[in-house]
Amino acid sequence: NINEREIKLDSCNKVRELLKKFPKQELVVYPTPLHRLKNLEKTTGHNSLWIKRDDMTGIGIGGNKIRNLEYLLGDAVENKCDIILFSGHLQSNLCSLAAAATRKLGLDCISVHNDDSPKILEGNTLLNYILGVQSIYIGEVDTDERTRQVEQISTELIKKGKNPYIIYNGASTPLGALGYVDVISKFHE
């Protein structure tokens, strides 16, 4: 007689086996802790509320996008890419997290911001500077124009003999989503 927990464990094991087919760069310090939110339980009347502490992933400023980046950068390394392009607004957490991750892997990177160049380096712009990121500021343009300019930069890099990899859509891509599948598959351990 198989109980519900055994079925869940078997399903999670099958998912983990499928995930092994995708290249991944181990960036996260596993496991990140779960913390119970007792005060919120009292306030909301819900029992057993927990939060996964992705601010404690061990890379840069932390955050859930590092899980996406493990698979996206795994793909980049597998494809022998030598420079990573990513984009976001001036204080984008993704840009700082991607910068820290690429530096950990010894890769060059360019961060493209749809903002004007800052007058003062602070917050994530300061972190990017400390990490030695090449930042390009393209002014206040929409996301589509920013993406077009990132692709243009990629084309220019290819002409110079580089092999760029673009992280699109804030790392929220089908391949990046495997990071969330991965973490969920570990909850039943």
N, C-alpha and C. Protein backbone atom coordinates (compact mmCIF):
# COMPACT_ATOMS: atom_id res chain seq x y z
N ASN A 1 0.85 -1.19 0.00
CA ASN A 1 0.00 0.00 0.00
C ASN A 1 0.89 1.25 0.00
N ILE A 2 0.83 2.00 -1.05
CA ILE A 2 1.65 3.20 -1.19
C ILE A 2 0.90 4.38 -0.59
N ASN A 3 1.57 5.11 0.30
CA ASN A 3 0.90 6.28 0.88
C ASN A 3 1.17 7.53 0.04
N GLU A 4 0.46 8.61 0.38
CA GLU A 4 0.55 9.85 -0.40
C GLU A 4 1.96 10.42 -0.41
N ARG A 5 2.68 10.34 0.71
CA ARG A 5 4.04 10.88 0.77
C ARG A 5 4.97 10.13 -0.19
N GLU A 6 4.83 8.81 -0.26
CA GLU A 6 5.67 8.03 -1.17
C GLU A 6 5.41 8.40 -2.63
N ILE A 7 4.14 8.66 -2.96
CA ILE A 7 3.80 9.07 -4.33
C ILE A 7 4.44 10.42 -4.64
N LYS A 8 4.35 11.37 -3.69
CA LYS A 8 4.95 12.69 -3.90
C LYS A 8 6.46 12.58 -4.05
N LEU A 9 7.10 11.77 -3.21
CA LEU A 9 8.55 11.60 -3.32
C LEU A 9 8.94 10.98 -4.65
N ASP A 10 8.18 9.99 -5.10
CA ASP A 10 8.46 9.36 -6.39
C ASP A 10 8.30 10.37 -7.52
N SER A 11 7.26 11.18 -7.47
CA SER A 11 7.05 12.21 -8.50
C SER A 11 8.18 13.22 -8.49
N CYS A 12 8.60 13.65 -7.31
CA CYS A 12 9.70 14.62 -7.21
C CYS A 12 10.99 14.03 -7.73
N ASN A 13 11.23 12.76 -7.44
CA ASN A 13 12.44 12.10 -7.95
C ASN A 13 12.43 12.04 -9.48
N LYS A 14 11.26 11.79 -10.07
CA LYS A 14 11.15 11.76 -11.53
C LYS A 14 11.42 13.14 -12.12
N VAL A 15 10.89 14.17 -11.47
CA VAL A 15 11.13 15.54 -11.94
C VAL A 15 12.61 15.87 -11.86
N ARG A 16 13.26 15.50 -10.76
CA ARG A 16 14.70 15.78 -10.62
C ARG A 16 15.51 15.05 -11.68
N GLU A 17 15.10 13.85 -12.04
CA GLU A 17 15.79 13.12 -13.11
C GLU A 17 15.63 13.85 -14.45
N LEU A 18 14.44 14.35 -14.72
CA LEU A 18 14.22 15.12 -15.95
C LEU A 18 15.06 16.39 -15.97
N LEU A 19 15.17 17.05 -14.83
CA LEU A 19 15.94 18.30 -14.76
C LEU A 19 17.42 18.07 -15.06
N LYS A 20 17.92 16.87 -14.81
CA LYS A 20 19.33 16.57 -15.07
C LYS A 20 19.67 16.65 -16.55
N LYS A 21 18.66 16.65 -17.41
CA LYS A 21 18.90 16.74 -18.85
C LYS A 21 19.26 18.16 -19.29
N PHE A 22 19.06 19.12 -18.39
CA PHE A 22 19.34 20.52 -18.71
C PHE A 22 20.62 20.97 -18.01
N PRO A 23 21.50 21.67 -18.73
CA PRO A 23 22.72 22.15 -18.08
C PRO A 23 22.37 23.17 -16.99
N LYS A 24 23.11 23.08 -15.90
CA LYS A 24 22.85 23.95 -14.75
C LYS A 24 24.18 24.33 -14.11
N GLN A 25 24.30 25.58 -13.74
CA GLN A 25 25.45 26.04 -12.98
C GLN A 25 25.01 26.19 -11.53
N GLU A 26 25.63 25.45 -10.63
CA GLU A 26 25.26 25.52 -9.21
C GLU A 26 25.72 26.86 -8.65
N LEU A 27 24.77 27.71 -8.34
CA LEU A 27 25.07 29.04 -7.80
C LEU A 27 24.53 29.23 -6.39
N VAL A 28 23.45 28.54 -6.07
CA VAL A 28 22.76 28.72 -4.79
C VAL A 28 23.41 27.86 -3.72
N VAL A 29 23.51 28.42 -2.53
CA VAL A 29 23.93 27.64 -1.36
C VAL A 29 22.66 26.93 -0.86
N TYR A 30 22.58 25.63 -1.11
CA TYR A 30 21.39 24.85 -0.74
C TYR A 30 21.56 24.19 0.61
N PRO A 31 20.49 23.96 1.32
CA PRO A 31 19.16 24.49 1.09
C PRO A 31 19.02 25.88 1.72
N THR A 32 18.22 26.72 1.09
CA THR A 32 17.89 27.99 1.74
C THR A 32 16.82 27.67 2.79
N PRO A 33 16.86 28.35 3.92
CA PRO A 33 15.95 27.98 5.01
C PRO A 33 14.49 28.35 4.75
N LEU A 34 13.64 27.65 5.44
CA LEU A 34 12.22 27.99 5.53
C LEU A 34 11.99 28.58 6.91
N HIS A 35 11.30 29.71 6.97
CA HIS A 35 10.99 30.32 8.26
C HIS A 35 9.48 30.39 8.43
N ARG A 36 9.05 29.98 9.62
CA ARG A 36 7.61 30.05 9.92
C ARG A 36 7.22 31.48 10.26
N LEU A 37 6.08 31.91 9.78
CA LEU A 37 5.59 33.27 9.98
C LEU A 37 4.45 33.26 10.99
N LYS A 38 4.79 33.05 12.26
CA LYS A 38 3.78 32.89 13.31
C LYS A 38 2.93 34.14 13.49
N ASN A 39 3.55 35.31 13.45
CA ASN A 39 2.76 36.54 13.61
C ASN A 39 1.75 36.71 12.48
N LEU A 40 2.16 36.39 11.26
CA LEU A 40 1.25 36.48 10.12
C LEU A 40 0.15 35.44 10.22
N GLU A 41 0.48 34.27 10.76
CA GLU A 41 -0.54 33.25 10.99
C GLU A 41 -1.64 33.80 11.91
N LYS A 42 -1.21 34.46 12.98
CA LYS A 42 -2.18 35.03 13.93
C LYS A 42 -3.02 36.12 13.25
N THR A 43 -2.35 36.97 12.49
CA THR A 43 -3.04 38.09 11.84
C THR A 43 -4.06 37.61 10.81
N THR A 44 -3.70 36.60 10.05
CA THR A 44 -4.55 36.14 8.95
C THR A 44 -5.50 35.01 9.34
N GLY A 45 -5.21 34.37 10.47
CA GLY A 45 -6.03 33.23 10.87
C GLY A 45 -5.69 31.95 10.13
N HIS A 46 -4.60 31.96 9.38
CA HIS A 46 -4.15 30.76 8.66
C HIS A 46 -3.14 30.00 9.53
N ASN A 47 -3.14 28.70 9.37
CA ASN A 47 -2.18 27.87 10.10
C ASN A 47 -0.99 27.56 9.21
N SER A 48 0.15 27.48 9.82
CA SER A 48 1.36 26.99 9.17
C SER A 48 1.74 27.76 7.90
N LEU A 49 2.02 29.06 8.05
CA LEU A 49 2.53 29.87 6.95
C LEU A 49 4.05 29.92 7.03
N TRP A 50 4.70 29.67 5.90
CA TRP A 50 6.15 29.61 5.84
C TRP A 50 6.63 30.47 4.68
N ILE A 51 7.88 30.92 4.77
CA ILE A 51 8.51 31.66 3.68
C ILE A 51 9.86 31.01 3.37
N LYS A 52 10.12 30.84 2.09
CA LYS A 52 11.41 30.32 1.62
C LYS A 52 12.36 31.50 1.55
N ARG A 53 13.49 31.43 2.24
CA ARG A 53 14.40 32.55 2.38
C ARG A 53 15.37 32.63 1.21
N ASP A 54 14.86 33.06 0.07
CA ASP A 54 15.70 33.20 -1.11
C ASP A 54 16.60 34.43 -1.05
N ASP A 55 16.45 35.23 0.01
CA ASP A 55 17.42 36.30 0.22
C ASP A 55 18.73 35.73 0.76
N MET A 56 18.74 34.45 1.07
CA MET A 56 19.93 33.80 1.63
C MET A 56 20.52 32.77 0.67
N THR A 57 20.47 33.07 -0.62
CA THR A 57 20.97 32.12 -1.62
C THR A 57 22.49 32.09 -1.71
N GLY A 58 23.14 33.11 -1.17
CA GLY A 58 24.60 33.12 -1.18
C GLY A 58 25.22 33.84 -2.36
N ILE A 59 24.41 34.44 -3.22
CA ILE A 59 24.92 35.19 -4.38
C ILE A 59 24.41 36.61 -4.30
N GLY A 60 25.32 37.56 -4.36
CA GLY A 60 24.95 38.97 -4.42
C GLY A 60 23.91 39.35 -3.39
N ILE A 61 22.87 40.01 -3.86
CA ILE A 61 21.81 40.48 -2.98
C ILE A 61 20.76 39.42 -2.70
N GLY A 62 20.94 38.23 -3.27
CA GLY A 62 19.97 37.17 -3.08
C GLY A 62 18.71 37.43 -3.89
N GLY A 63 17.78 36.52 -3.78
CA GLY A 63 16.52 36.66 -4.49
C GLY A 63 16.21 35.44 -5.32
N ASN A 64 14.94 35.30 -5.67
CA ASN A 64 14.49 34.10 -6.36
C ASN A 64 15.04 33.95 -7.77
N LYS A 65 15.43 35.02 -8.43
CA LYS A 65 15.89 34.93 -9.82
C LYS A 65 17.20 34.16 -9.97
N ILE A 66 17.92 33.98 -8.87
CA ILE A 66 19.17 33.22 -8.97
C ILE A 66 18.87 31.78 -9.41
N ARG A 67 17.71 31.28 -9.04
CA ARG A 67 17.34 29.92 -9.45
C ARG A 67 17.15 29.86 -10.98
N ASN A 68 16.54 30.89 -11.56
CA ASN A 68 16.42 30.97 -13.02
C ASN A 68 17.80 31.02 -13.65
N LEU A 69 18.66 31.85 -13.05
CA LEU A 69 19.99 32.06 -13.62
C LEU A 69 20.83 30.79 -13.61
N GLU A 70 20.60 29.88 -12.67
CA GLU A 70 21.35 28.62 -12.67
C GLU A 70 21.15 27.88 -13.99
N TYR A 71 19.94 27.88 -14.51
CA TYR A 71 19.66 27.18 -15.77
C TYR A 71 20.04 28.02 -16.99
N LEU A 72 19.77 29.31 -16.94
CA LEU A 72 20.13 30.16 -18.08
C LEU A 72 21.65 30.23 -18.25
N LEU A 73 22.37 30.40 -17.16
CA LEU A 73 23.83 30.45 -17.27
C LEU A 73 24.41 29.06 -17.55
N GLY A 74 23.71 28.02 -17.11
CA GLY A 74 24.11 26.66 -17.50
C GLY A 74 24.04 26.49 -19.01
N ASP A 75 22.99 27.02 -19.60
CA ASP A 75 22.83 27.00 -21.06
C ASP A 75 23.92 27.82 -21.73
N ALA A 76 24.22 28.98 -21.16
CA ALA A 76 25.26 29.85 -21.73
C ALA A 76 26.62 29.16 -21.71
N VAL A 77 26.97 28.55 -20.59
CA VAL A 77 28.26 27.86 -20.48
C VAL A 77 28.30 26.66 -21.42
N GLU A 78 27.20 25.91 -21.48
CA GLU A 78 27.11 24.76 -22.38
C GLU A 78 27.34 25.18 -23.84
N ASN A 79 26.86 26.36 -24.19
CA ASN A 79 27.00 26.87 -25.56
C ASN A 79 28.26 27.72 -25.74
N LYS A 80 29.16 27.64 -24.77
CA LYS A 80 30.46 28.31 -24.83
C LYS A 80 30.35 29.82 -25.05
N CYS A 81 29.33 30.42 -24.44
CA CYS A 81 29.18 31.88 -24.53
C CYS A 81 30.21 32.54 -23.63
N ASP A 82 30.74 33.66 -24.07
CA ASP A 82 31.81 34.31 -23.32
C ASP A 82 31.42 35.67 -22.76
N ILE A 83 30.22 36.12 -23.05
CA ILE A 83 29.74 37.39 -22.49
C ILE A 83 28.22 37.31 -22.37
N ILE A 84 27.73 37.74 -21.23
CA ILE A 84 26.31 37.65 -20.93
C ILE A 84 25.71 39.05 -20.96
N LEU A 85 24.59 39.19 -21.67
CA LEU A 85 23.86 40.46 -21.74
C LEU A 85 22.55 40.33 -20.97
N PHE A 86 22.26 41.32 -20.15
CA PHE A 86 20.99 41.36 -19.45
C PHE A 86 20.57 42.81 -19.33
N SER A 87 19.32 43.03 -19.01
CA SER A 87 18.83 44.40 -19.02
C SER A 87 17.76 44.62 -17.97
N GLY A 88 17.57 45.89 -17.64
CA GLY A 88 16.56 46.26 -16.67
C GLY A 88 16.65 47.74 -16.37
N HIS A 89 15.80 48.18 -15.47
CA HIS A 89 15.83 49.59 -15.07
C HIS A 89 17.09 49.86 -14.24
N LEU A 90 17.29 51.09 -13.88
CA LEU A 90 18.52 51.53 -13.23
C LEU A 90 18.88 50.72 -11.98
N GLN A 91 17.93 50.45 -11.12
CA GLN A 91 18.20 49.74 -9.87
C GLN A 91 17.69 48.29 -9.92
N SER A 92 17.74 47.69 -11.09
CA SER A 92 17.24 46.33 -11.28
C SER A 92 17.98 45.32 -10.40
N ASN A 93 17.20 44.58 -9.60
CA ASN A 93 17.79 43.51 -8.80
C ASN A 93 18.32 42.40 -9.69
N LEU A 94 17.59 42.09 -10.76
CA LEU A 94 18.06 41.04 -11.67
C LEU A 94 19.44 41.38 -12.23
N CYS A 95 19.62 42.62 -12.64
CA CYS A 95 20.91 43.01 -13.23
C CYS A 95 22.05 42.81 -12.23
N SER A 96 21.84 43.20 -10.99
CA SER A 96 22.89 43.01 -9.98
C SER A 96 23.11 41.54 -9.66
N LEU A 97 22.04 40.78 -9.59
CA LEU A 97 22.15 39.36 -9.32
C LEU A 97 22.84 38.64 -10.48
N ALA A 98 22.46 38.98 -11.71
CA ALA A 98 23.11 38.37 -12.88
C ALA A 98 24.58 38.76 -12.95
N ALA A 99 24.89 39.99 -12.58
CA ALA A 99 26.29 40.44 -12.57
C ALA A 99 27.10 39.61 -11.58
N ALA A 100 26.58 39.44 -10.37
CA ALA A 100 27.29 38.65 -9.36
C ALA A 100 27.46 37.20 -9.81
N ALA A 101 26.42 36.64 -10.41
CA ALA A 101 26.49 35.25 -10.87
C ALA A 101 27.49 35.08 -12.01
N THR A 102 27.48 35.99 -12.98
CA THR A 102 28.42 35.87 -14.09
C THR A 102 29.85 36.03 -13.61
N ARG A 103 30.05 36.93 -12.68
CA ARG A 103 31.41 37.12 -12.14
C ARG A 103 31.87 35.88 -11.39
N LYS A 104 30.96 35.24 -10.65
CA LYS A 104 31.31 34.01 -9.95
C LYS A 104 31.76 32.94 -10.94
N LEU A 105 31.15 32.94 -12.12
CA LEU A 105 31.50 31.95 -13.15
C LEU A 105 32.66 32.39 -14.03
N GLY A 106 33.20 33.57 -13.78
CA GLY A 106 34.32 34.07 -14.57
C GLY A 106 33.94 34.57 -15.95
N LEU A 107 32.68 34.95 -16.13
CA LEU A 107 32.20 35.43 -17.42
C LEU A 107 32.13 36.95 -17.44
N ASP A 108 32.33 37.52 -18.61
CA ASP A 108 32.11 38.95 -18.79
C ASP A 108 30.61 39.20 -18.93
N CYS A 109 30.22 40.44 -18.65
CA CYS A 109 28.80 40.76 -18.77
C CYS A 109 28.60 42.23 -19.10
N ILE A 110 27.46 42.50 -19.71
CA ILE A 110 27.04 43.87 -20.00
C ILE A 110 25.61 44.02 -19.49
N SER A 111 25.40 45.07 -18.74
CA SER A 111 24.08 45.38 -18.22
C SER A 111 23.54 46.60 -18.96
N VAL A 112 22.39 46.44 -19.60
CA VAL A 112 21.79 47.52 -20.38
C VAL A 112 20.59 48.05 -19.60
N HIS A 113 20.61 49.36 -19.35
CA HIS A 113 19.55 49.97 -18.53
C HIS A 113 18.73 50.96 -19.34
N ASN A 114 17.41 50.82 -19.27
CA ASN A 114 16.54 51.80 -19.91
C ASN A 114 16.29 52.95 -18.94
N ASP A 115 17.36 53.68 -18.74
CA ASP A 115 17.41 54.84 -17.86
C ASP A 115 18.59 55.69 -18.28
N ASP A 116 18.65 56.89 -17.75
CA ASP A 116 19.81 57.74 -17.98
C ASP A 116 20.93 57.33 -17.03
N SER A 117 22.15 57.66 -17.39
CA SER A 117 23.30 57.36 -16.54
C SER A 117 23.12 58.05 -15.19
N PRO A 118 23.34 57.32 -14.09
CA PRO A 118 23.13 57.93 -12.77
C PRO A 118 24.20 58.97 -12.46
N LYS A 119 23.81 59.99 -11.75
CA LYS A 119 24.77 61.01 -11.31
C LYS A 119 25.54 60.53 -10.09
N ILE A 120 24.92 59.68 -9.29
CA ILE A 120 25.54 59.12 -8.09
C ILE A 120 25.40 57.60 -8.14
N LEU A 121 26.49 56.90 -7.85
CA LEU A 121 26.42 55.44 -7.78
C LEU A 121 25.92 55.06 -6.39
N GLU A 122 24.76 54.42 -6.35
CA GLU A 122 24.20 53.97 -5.08
C GLU A 122 23.35 52.74 -5.34
N GLY A 123 23.08 51.99 -4.30
CA GLY A 123 22.26 50.79 -4.44
C GLY A 123 22.85 49.82 -5.44
N ASN A 124 22.00 49.31 -6.33
CA ASN A 124 22.45 48.31 -7.30
C ASN A 124 23.44 48.86 -8.31
N THR A 125 23.35 50.16 -8.64
CA THR A 125 24.34 50.72 -9.57
C THR A 125 25.73 50.69 -8.94
N LEU A 126 25.81 50.89 -7.65
CA LEU A 126 27.09 50.81 -6.95
C LEU A 126 27.60 49.37 -6.93
N LEU A 127 26.70 48.42 -6.65
CA LEU A 127 27.10 47.01 -6.66
C LEU A 127 27.63 46.61 -8.04
N ASN A 128 26.94 47.03 -9.08
CA ASN A 128 27.38 46.71 -10.44
C ASN A 128 28.77 47.29 -10.72
N TYR A 129 29.00 48.50 -10.25
CA TYR A 129 30.31 49.14 -10.43
C TYR A 129 31.39 48.34 -9.69
N ILE A 130 31.11 47.96 -8.46
CA ILE A 130 32.07 47.18 -7.66
C ILE A 130 32.38 45.85 -8.35
N LEU A 131 31.36 45.25 -8.97
CA LEU A 131 31.55 43.98 -9.67
C LEU A 131 32.24 44.13 -11.01
N GLY A 132 32.48 45.36 -11.43
CA GLY A 132 33.17 45.60 -12.69
C GLY A 132 32.30 45.39 -13.92
N VAL A 133 31.02 45.61 -13.77
CA VAL A 133 30.08 45.42 -14.87
C VAL A 133 30.19 46.57 -15.86
N GLN A 134 30.16 46.25 -17.14
CA GLN A 134 30.03 47.30 -18.15
C GLN A 134 28.54 47.63 -18.22
N SER A 135 28.19 48.84 -17.83
CA SER A 135 26.79 49.27 -17.86
C SER A 135 26.58 50.24 -19.02
N ILE A 136 25.52 50.01 -19.76
CA ILE A 136 25.15 50.89 -20.87
C ILE A 136 23.77 51.47 -20.54
N TYR A 137 23.69 52.79 -20.60
CA TYR A 137 22.44 53.50 -20.29
C TYR A 137 21.86 54.04 -21.59
N ILE A 138 20.64 53.62 -21.91
CA ILE A 138 20.05 53.96 -23.21
C ILE A 138 18.89 54.95 -23.09
N GLY A 139 18.74 55.56 -21.94
CA GLY A 139 17.66 56.53 -21.75
C GLY A 139 16.34 55.84 -21.43
N GLU A 140 15.35 56.64 -21.21
CA GLU A 140 14.04 56.11 -20.81
C GLU A 140 13.27 55.63 -22.04
N VAL A 141 13.46 54.36 -22.35
CA VAL A 141 12.77 53.72 -23.47
C VAL A 141 11.92 52.57 -22.93
N ASP A 142 10.99 52.09 -23.74
CA ASP A 142 10.15 50.98 -23.28
C ASP A 142 10.91 49.66 -23.40
N THR A 143 10.30 48.62 -22.87
CA THR A 143 10.95 47.31 -22.83
C THR A 143 11.26 46.77 -24.22
N ASP A 144 10.37 46.98 -25.17
CA ASP A 144 10.61 46.49 -26.54
C ASP A 144 11.84 47.16 -27.16
N GLU A 145 11.96 48.46 -26.96
CA GLU A 145 13.12 49.18 -27.50
C GLU A 145 14.40 48.74 -26.78
N ARG A 146 14.30 48.53 -25.48
CA ARG A 146 15.47 48.06 -24.73
C ARG A 146 15.92 46.71 -25.28
N THR A 147 14.97 45.81 -25.51
CA THR A 147 15.31 44.49 -26.05
C THR A 147 15.95 44.62 -27.42
N ARG A 148 15.41 45.49 -28.26
CA ARG A 148 15.98 45.71 -29.59
C ARG A 148 17.43 46.18 -29.48
N GLN A 149 17.70 47.09 -28.56
CA GLN A 149 19.07 47.60 -28.40
C GLN A 149 20.01 46.54 -27.83
N VAL A 150 19.51 45.69 -26.93
CA VAL A 150 20.32 44.58 -26.42
C VAL A 150 20.70 43.66 -27.58
N GLU A 151 19.75 43.35 -28.43
CA GLU A 151 20.03 42.48 -29.58
C GLU A 151 21.01 43.13 -30.55
N GLN A 152 20.93 44.43 -30.70
CA GLN A 152 21.88 45.16 -31.54
C GLN A 152 23.29 45.08 -30.94
N ILE A 153 23.40 45.23 -29.64
CA ILE A 153 24.70 45.10 -28.97
C ILE A 153 25.24 43.68 -29.17
N SER A 154 24.37 42.69 -29.06
CA SER A 154 24.77 41.30 -29.28
C SER A 154 25.31 41.10 -30.69
N THR A 155 24.63 41.66 -31.68
CA THR A 155 25.08 41.56 -33.07
C THR A 155 26.46 42.18 -33.24
N GLU A 156 26.69 43.32 -32.63
CA GLU A 156 28.01 43.98 -32.71
C GLU A 156 29.08 43.12 -32.04
N LEU A 157 28.75 42.49 -30.93
CA LEU A 157 29.71 41.61 -30.24
C LEU A 157 30.07 40.41 -31.11
N ILE A 158 29.09 39.85 -31.79
CA ILE A 158 29.34 38.71 -32.68
C ILE A 158 30.31 39.12 -33.79
N LYS A 159 30.13 40.32 -34.35
CA LYS A 159 31.03 40.83 -35.39
C LYS A 159 32.46 40.95 -34.87
N LYS A 160 32.61 41.15 -33.56
CA LYS A 160 33.94 41.28 -32.95
C LYS A 160 34.50 39.93 -32.48
N GLY A 161 33.80 38.84 -32.83
CA GLY A 161 34.30 37.51 -32.49
C GLY A 161 33.84 36.98 -31.14
N LYS A 162 32.93 37.67 -30.50
CA LYS A 162 32.43 37.21 -29.20
C LYS A 162 31.25 36.26 -29.41
N ASN A 163 30.92 35.52 -28.37
CA ASN A 163 29.77 34.62 -28.40
C ASN A 163 28.82 35.01 -27.26
N PRO A 164 27.97 36.01 -27.50
CA PRO A 164 27.11 36.53 -26.42
C PRO A 164 25.89 35.64 -26.14
N TYR A 165 25.40 35.78 -24.92
CA TYR A 165 24.17 35.11 -24.49
C TYR A 165 23.28 36.18 -23.89
N ILE A 166 22.05 36.27 -24.36
CA ILE A 166 21.12 37.28 -23.86
C ILE A 166 20.16 36.64 -22.86
N ILE A 167 20.07 37.24 -21.70
CA ILE A 167 19.06 36.84 -20.72
C ILE A 167 17.86 37.75 -20.95
N TYR A 168 16.81 37.17 -21.47
CA TYR A 168 15.60 37.93 -21.82
C TYR A 168 14.61 37.99 -20.66
N ASN A 169 13.74 38.96 -20.73
CA ASN A 169 12.52 39.04 -19.93
C ASN A 169 12.75 38.85 -18.44
N GLY A 170 13.77 39.49 -17.91
CA GLY A 170 14.02 39.38 -16.48
C GLY A 170 14.32 37.97 -16.02
N ALA A 171 14.84 37.15 -16.90
CA ALA A 171 15.17 35.74 -16.65
C ALA A 171 13.92 34.87 -16.49
N SER A 172 12.74 35.44 -16.75
CA SER A 172 11.49 34.69 -16.65
C SER A 172 11.14 34.09 -18.01
N THR A 173 11.89 33.08 -18.36
CA THR A 173 11.72 32.37 -19.62
C THR A 173 11.38 30.91 -19.31
N PRO A 174 10.94 30.15 -20.30
CA PRO A 174 10.68 28.73 -20.03
C PRO A 174 11.89 28.01 -19.43
N LEU A 175 13.08 28.25 -19.97
CA LEU A 175 14.27 27.61 -19.42
C LEU A 175 14.54 28.11 -18.00
N GLY A 176 14.43 29.40 -17.78
CA GLY A 176 14.63 29.95 -16.44
C GLY A 176 13.64 29.41 -15.43
N ALA A 177 12.41 29.13 -15.86
CA ALA A 177 11.38 28.62 -14.96
C ALA A 177 11.74 27.26 -14.37
N LEU A 178 12.68 26.56 -14.99
CA LEU A 178 13.12 25.28 -14.42
C LEU A 178 13.71 25.46 -13.03
N GLY A 179 14.22 26.65 -12.74
CA GLY A 179 14.73 26.92 -11.40
C GLY A 179 13.65 26.78 -10.34
N TYR A 180 12.43 27.20 -10.67
CA TYR A 180 11.31 27.07 -9.73
C TYR A 180 10.85 25.62 -9.64
N VAL A 181 10.84 24.93 -10.78
CA VAL A 181 10.49 23.51 -10.77
C VAL A 181 11.48 22.77 -9.88
N ASP A 182 12.75 23.10 -10.00
CA ASP A 182 13.81 22.48 -9.21
C ASP A 182 13.56 22.67 -7.71
N VAL A 183 13.30 23.90 -7.29
CA VAL A 183 13.12 24.14 -5.85
C VAL A 183 11.86 23.46 -5.33
N ILE A 184 10.79 23.46 -6.10
CA ILE A 184 9.56 22.80 -5.66
C ILE A 184 9.79 21.29 -5.53
N SER A 185 10.57 20.72 -6.42
CA SER A 185 10.82 19.27 -6.37
C SER A 185 11.59 18.88 -5.11
N LYS A 186 12.22 19.84 -4.45
CA LYS A 186 13.00 19.55 -3.24
C LYS A 186 12.19 19.71 -1.95
N PHE A 187 10.99 20.27 -2.04
CA PHE A 187 10.20 20.51 -0.83
C PHE A 187 9.81 19.23 -0.11
N HIS A 188 9.70 18.13 -0.81
CA HIS A 188 9.25 16.88 -0.19
C HIS A 188 10.39 16.03 0.34
N GLU A 189 11.60 16.56 0.31
CA GLU A 189 12.75 15.79 0.83
C GLU A 189 12.70 15.73 2.34
